[in-house]
Amino acid sequence: MTGAGTSELAFGKETTFKGSLADEDSDGTDDYWAFGRNQTLQELNLQNQLQRMRDAGAVEAANSLAGNVEGAVGVQAVVSNDVHADVHDVIFNSGGTSFTGGRTASARIFAGIDYLNGTAERELIGCIPTEFSIDWQQGQATTFTLTMMYADEEENASITPSSITKPSDGSEVPHHGADLTVDAGSVQKLQSATLSISNIARYHRGASRVAEDAVIAAPETTLDFSAIIHSTDYLDLAYGGGGADVSSTQDSIESVSGSLSLSAAGTTVATYDLPKIQPDTHGWSDLVSADNDATEDVSAHVNGGVSVA
């Protein structure tokens, strides 16, 4: 066993794809950030995409040919006011606040461990975002999950980041620091909520095993939430009412606006603007239950250009 306190996880912002790292404080050294507190490495997987080569008359393959290099890495952490804007910088390619066509933002992740007989660090190069979510549960700290692909990696015998910007006490977003609004009103008796963005970026490839560039793909945003039933407002939205009271399904599903605001110790950490929310599914759970409160579960498309401030 390696024990607590023997590993390190940090990221830097690439100034160009697979290029040098940002020195935002202009002190002559690269800058590094933790993702947040309670950060966990959910996935770290290198793929060589081997293709078996066979000879005529042979029962088994003779060899395997190397294909593209591609890695996958996933991180989860508690949202922190001290570093969350920096996390946004490697997700949203327009100033860390929204998406725009063209090259995607990219990062370099450093995952290191001091094990019993030495030190090993995997330096993940050309990390681009594929999925991002904000996850809220009643009574729990607010977390985010970031899934990325990476273009290449190197092994180091020592930990590269010598100084890492980490969260300070009181910067974490508690469950009571979140406010989800739909159609100009806060969702009452909220039990859970997830704001997720998928299909964010993809690679450009050529004659090399390693990706040559990376661009924005076609980001798609979904809002899922569950709340104790207290009105028929969200059922009316699912019928297509778009904020109006309706008693049956409509010919179209009208949209309403909304937002997800996160704060820590009275300071706003991030506000995700959700311009067009259109319910895709709506359900009731635990309608007849002596032990659980009846809830409504909504899954909605979010269109119109999600942004964060």
Foldseek 3Di string as FASTA:
>chain_A
DQDPPFKDKKKFWAPFALHDGDDVVPPPDHAIADQAPPKDKPDWFKDQPWDFDPDPPDPDTPDIDGAAIKIKTKMKYFDFLQCNLVVLCQQAVPSSWFHDWDAHIFMWMWIKGQGPPFIKIKIFGRWHWFKKKWKAFPQAGIMMMTMTMGFDIDMDRDGPDPDYRYHDPQRGFGNVQKFKDFQRHTAPQWGIKMKMKGQFKDFDPDPDSTTDGMIGGDIWIKMKTKGFDDDCQVVCQQLQVQRDDDDHRDPHRFWTWIWMWGGTPPHTRKIKTQHTWHWPDKDWPPPPPPPDGIMMMTMTTGDDIITMD
